[in-house]
Amino acid sequence: MEVGLAVGGAFLSSMSQRFDKLQSVVHNAENLIEQVNYEALRLKLEGQHQNTLSDDFFCNINDKLEESIETLEVLEKQIGHLGLKDHFGSTKQETRTPSTSFVDDSNIFGSQNEIKDFIVQLFSEDAN
């Protein structure tokens, strides 16, 4: 029993580390997007064209993107070795029927006559 708990604990610890690394990569990607947006806004406010972003800025962003992609590829391989990829790939996605506010009142008894009477009263000259 203790061996099973130790193996399960090690597995959970390993998954927790991978999840933390994945969160870090996502956070870094969000920071990159914010940096690009900030730089574009700064140039716009300064009246410069957006095509004047410096080569250093692009190289820095490119290096960070490549690093993030490499980390994601490593995580993908590690998760693939655990056999989780097959499990997640086989899940069935549920489809929801679209909701609508349309009410089909064709089968409501008596409503058509009431609607007609209401429209007649609404547009009658006496109502004005």
C-alpha atoms as a PDB file:
ATOM      1  CA  MET A   1       0.000   0.000   0.000  1.00  0.00           C
ATOM      2  CA  GLU A   2       2.805   2.412   0.882  1.00  0.00           C
ATOM      3  CA  VAL A   3       4.508   1.763  -2.460  1.00  0.00           C
ATOM      4  CA  GLY A   4       1.318   2.676  -4.293  1.00  0.00           C
ATOM      5  CA  LEU A   5       0.981   5.887  -2.315  1.00  0.00           C
ATOM      6  CA  ALA A   6       4.613   6.765  -2.972  1.00  0.00           C
ATOM      7  CA  VAL A   7       4.220   6.167  -6.709  1.00  0.00           C
ATOM      8  CA  GLY A   8       0.961   8.106  -6.783  1.00  0.00           C
ATOM      9  CA  GLY A   9       2.518  10.926  -4.792  1.00  0.00           C
ATOM     10  CA  ALA A  10       5.505  11.067  -7.126  1.00  0.00           C
ATOM     11  CA  PHE A  11       3.175  11.131 -10.124  1.00  0.00           C
ATOM     12  CA  LEU A  12       1.121  13.964  -8.643  1.00  0.00           C
ATOM     13  CA  SER A  13       4.271  15.870  -7.734  1.00  0.00           C
ATOM     14  CA  SER A  14       5.576  15.441 -11.270  1.00  0.00           C
ATOM     15  CA  MET A  15       2.274  16.596 -12.756  1.00  0.00           C
ATOM     16  CA  SER A  16       2.199  19.556 -10.376  1.00  0.00           C
ATOM     17  CA  GLN A  17       5.675  20.595 -11.534  1.00  0.00           C
ATOM     18  CA  ARG A  18       4.643  20.319 -15.183  1.00  0.00           C
ATOM     19  CA  PHE A  19       1.473  22.268 -14.508  1.00  0.00           C
ATOM     20  CA  ASP A  20       3.478  24.992 -12.751  1.00  0.00           C
ATOM     21  CA  LYS A  21       5.852  25.141 -15.717  1.00  0.00           C
ATOM     22  CA  LEU A  22       2.908  25.377 -18.115  1.00  0.00           C
ATOM     23  CA  GLN A  23       1.411  28.218 -16.081  1.00  0.00           C
ATOM     24  CA  SER A  24       4.767  29.987 -16.196  1.00  0.00           C
ATOM     25  CA  VAL A  25       4.981  29.652 -19.988  1.00  0.00           C
ATOM     26  CA  VAL A  26       1.437  30.972 -20.405  1.00  0.00           C
ATOM     27  CA  HIS A  27       2.221  33.879 -18.077  1.00  0.00           C
ATOM     28  CA  ASN A  28       5.353  34.670 -20.105  1.00  0.00           C
ATOM     29  CA  ALA A  29       3.351  34.589 -23.340  1.00  0.00           C
ATOM     30  CA  GLU A  30       0.815  37.001 -21.856  1.00  0.00           C
ATOM     31  CA  ASN A  31       3.673  39.304 -20.847  1.00  0.00           C
ATOM     32  CA  LEU A  32       5.028  39.219 -24.403  1.00  0.00           C
ATOM     33  CA  ILE A  33       1.648  40.227 -25.776  1.00  0.00           C
ATOM     34  CA  GLU A  34       1.464  43.068 -23.267  1.00  0.00           C
ATOM     35  CA  GLN A  35       4.960  44.234 -24.259  1.00  0.00           C
ATOM     36  CA  VAL A  36       4.073  44.275 -27.950  1.00  0.00           C
ATOM     37  CA  ASN A  37       0.804  46.110 -27.268  1.00  0.00           C
ATOM     38  CA  TYR A  38       2.587  48.628 -25.035  1.00  0.00           C
ATOM     39  CA  GLU A  39       5.279  49.294 -27.616  1.00  0.00           C
ATOM     40  CA  ALA A  40       2.719  49.717 -30.409  1.00  0.00           C
ATOM     41  CA  LEU A  41       0.678  52.127 -28.270  1.00  0.00           C
ATOM     42  CA  ARG A  42       3.786  54.069 -27.268  1.00  0.00           C
ATOM     43  CA  LEU A  43       4.794  54.516 -30.899  1.00  0.00           C
ATOM     44  CA  LYS A  44       1.268  55.512 -31.843  1.00  0.00           C
ATOM     45  CA  LEU A  45       1.149  58.153 -29.113  1.00  0.00           C
ATOM     46  CA  GLU A  46       4.538  59.480 -30.147  1.00  0.00           C
ATOM     47  CA  GLY A  47       3.243  59.800 -33.702  1.00  0.00           C
ATOM     48  CA  GLN A  48       5.641  57.268 -35.141  1.00  0.00           C
ATOM     49  CA  HIS A  49       4.654  54.588 -37.585  1.00  0.00           C
ATOM     50  CA  GLN A  50       4.144  51.129 -36.168  1.00  0.00           C
ATOM     51  CA  ASN A  51       6.701  49.807 -38.652  1.00  0.00           C
ATOM     52  CA  THR A  52       9.487  51.585 -36.745  1.00  0.00           C
ATOM     53  CA  LEU A  53       9.781  49.010 -33.962  1.00  0.00           C
ATOM     54  CA  SER A  54      13.451  48.488 -33.269  1.00  0.00           C
ATOM     55  CA  ASP A  55      15.327  45.411 -34.387  1.00  0.00           C
ATOM     56  CA  ASP A  56      16.425  44.876 -30.780  1.00  0.00           C
ATOM     57  CA  PHE A  57      12.792  44.811 -29.686  1.00  0.00           C
ATOM     58  CA  PHE A  58      11.900  42.210 -32.330  1.00  0.00           C
ATOM     59  CA  CYS A  59      14.973  40.096 -31.530  1.00  0.00           C
ATOM     60  CA  ASN A  60      14.100  40.169 -27.844  1.00  0.00           C
ATOM     61  CA  ILE A  61      10.484  39.169 -28.512  1.00  0.00           C
ATOM     62  CA  ASN A  62      11.590  36.502 -31.001  1.00  0.00           C
ATOM     63  CA  ASP A  63      14.030  34.986 -28.490  1.00  0.00           C
ATOM     64  CA  LYS A  64      11.362  34.873 -25.793  1.00  0.00           C
ATOM     65  CA  LEU A  65       8.842  33.307 -28.186  1.00  0.00           C
ATOM     66  CA  GLU A  66      11.314  30.629 -29.267  1.00  0.00           C
ATOM     67  CA  GLU A  67      12.102  29.874 -25.624  1.00  0.00           C
ATOM     68  CA  SER A  68       8.386  29.536 -24.833  1.00  0.00           C
ATOM     69  CA  ILE A  69       7.823  27.265 -27.830  1.00  0.00           C
ATOM     70  CA  GLU A  70      10.751  25.046 -26.834  1.00  0.00           C
ATOM     71  CA  THR A  71       9.417  24.766 -23.289  1.00  0.00           C
ATOM     72  CA  LEU A  72       5.958  23.851 -24.584  1.00  0.00           C
ATOM     73  CA  GLU A  73       7.452  21.183 -26.855  1.00  0.00           C
ATOM     74  CA  VAL A  74       9.373  19.680 -23.917  1.00  0.00           C
ATOM     75  CA  LEU A  75       6.214  19.654 -21.791  1.00  0.00           C
ATOM     76  CA  GLU A  76       4.270  18.039 -24.631  1.00  0.00           C
ATOM     77  CA  LYS A  77       6.845  15.233 -24.872  1.00  0.00           C
ATOM     78  CA  GLN A  78       6.884  14.722 -21.102  1.00  0.00           C
ATOM     79  CA  ILE A  79       3.112  14.555 -20.920  1.00  0.00           C
ATOM     80  CA  GLY A  80       3.092  12.211 -23.918  1.00  0.00           C
ATOM     81  CA  HIS A  81       5.383   9.804 -22.055  1.00  0.00           C
ATOM     82  CA  LEU A  82       2.872   9.678 -19.208  1.00  0.00           C
ATOM     83  CA  GLY A  83       0.122   8.468 -21.529  1.00  0.00           C
ATOM     84  CA  LEU A  84      -2.150  11.398 -20.743  1.00  0.00           C
ATOM     85  CA  LYS A  85      -2.198  12.581 -24.319  1.00  0.00           C
ATOM     86  CA  ASP A  86      -4.198   9.566 -25.496  1.00  0.00           C
ATOM     87  CA  HIS A  87      -6.721  10.002 -22.712  1.00  0.00           C
ATOM     88  CA  PHE A  88      -7.348  13.662 -23.427  1.00  0.00           C
ATOM     89  CA  GLY A  89      -7.414  13.145 -27.185  1.00  0.00           C
ATOM     90  CA  SER A  90     -10.223  10.600 -26.938  1.00  0.00           C
ATOM     91  CA  THR A  91     -12.649  12.714 -24.964  1.00  0.00           C
ATOM     92  CA  LYS A  92     -15.954  13.423 -26.599  1.00  0.00           C
ATOM     93  CA  GLN A  93     -16.957  17.039 -26.819  1.00  0.00           C
ATOM     94  CA  GLU A  94     -20.542  17.763 -25.991  1.00  0.00           C
ATOM     95  CA  THR A  95     -22.579  19.938 -28.270  1.00  0.00           C
ATOM     96  CA  ARG A  96     -25.246  22.192 -26.862  1.00  0.00           C
ATOM     97  CA  THR A  97     -28.383  23.004 -28.710  1.00  0.00           C
ATOM     98  CA  PRO A  98     -28.518  26.723 -29.345  1.00  0.00           C
ATOM     99  CA  SER A  99     -30.809  28.631 -27.061  1.00  0.00           C
ATOM    100  CA  THR A 100     -33.376  31.007 -28.439  1.00  0.00           C
ATOM    101  CA  SER A 101     -35.895  33.453 -27.099  1.00  0.00           C
ATOM    102  CA  PHE A 102     -38.373  32.499 -29.827  1.00  0.00           C
ATOM    103  CA  VAL A 103     -41.596  31.129 -28.399  1.00  0.00           C
ATOM    104  CA  ASP A 104     -43.656  28.917 -30.662  1.00  0.00           C
ATOM    105  CA  ASP A 105     -47.156  29.951 -29.683  1.00  0.00           C
ATOM    106  CA  SER A 106     -48.869  28.175 -32.559  1.00  0.00           C
ATOM    107  CA  ASN A 107     -50.117  25.430 -30.268  1.00  0.00           C
ATOM    108  CA  ILE A 108     -51.388  27.755 -27.514  1.00  0.00           C
ATOM    109  CA  PHE A 109     -55.167  27.565 -27.585  1.00  0.00           C
ATOM    110  CA  GLY A 110     -57.022  30.845 -27.858  1.00  0.00           C
ATOM    111  CA  SER A 111     -54.043  33.165 -28.055  1.00  0.00           C
ATOM    112  CA  GLN A 112     -54.526  34.054 -31.723  1.00  0.00           C
ATOM    113  CA  ASN A 113     -57.955  35.563 -31.127  1.00  0.00           C
ATOM    114  CA  GLU A 114     -56.708  37.586 -28.173  1.00  0.00           C
ATOM    115  CA  ILE A 115     -53.776  38.908 -30.191  1.00  0.00           C
ATOM    116  CA  LYS A 116     -56.058  39.912 -33.063  1.00  0.00           C
ATOM    117  CA  ASP A 117     -58.436  41.692 -30.660  1.00  0.00           C
ATOM    118  CA  PHE A 118     -55.525  43.499 -29.032  1.00  0.00           C
ATOM    119  CA  ILE A 119     -54.137  44.664 -32.389  1.00  0.00           C
ATOM    120  CA  VAL A 120     -57.570  45.880 -33.490  1.00  0.00           C
ATOM    121  CA  GLN A 121     -57.958  47.848 -30.251  1.00  0.00           C
ATOM    122  CA  LEU A 122     -54.453  49.222 -30.542  1.00  0.00           C
ATOM    123  CA  PHE A 123     -54.970  50.600 -34.036  1.00  0.00           C
ATOM    124  CA  SER A 124     -58.576  51.675 -33.688  1.00  0.00           C
ATOM    125  CA  GLU A 125     -59.318  55.384 -33.935  1.00  0.00           C
ATOM    126  CA  ASP A 126     -61.132  55.330 -30.597  1.00  0.00           C
ATOM    127  CA  ALA A 127     -57.900  54.380 -28.803  1.00  0.00           C
ATOM    128  CA  ASN A 128     -56.292  57.666 -29.882  1.00  0.00           C
END
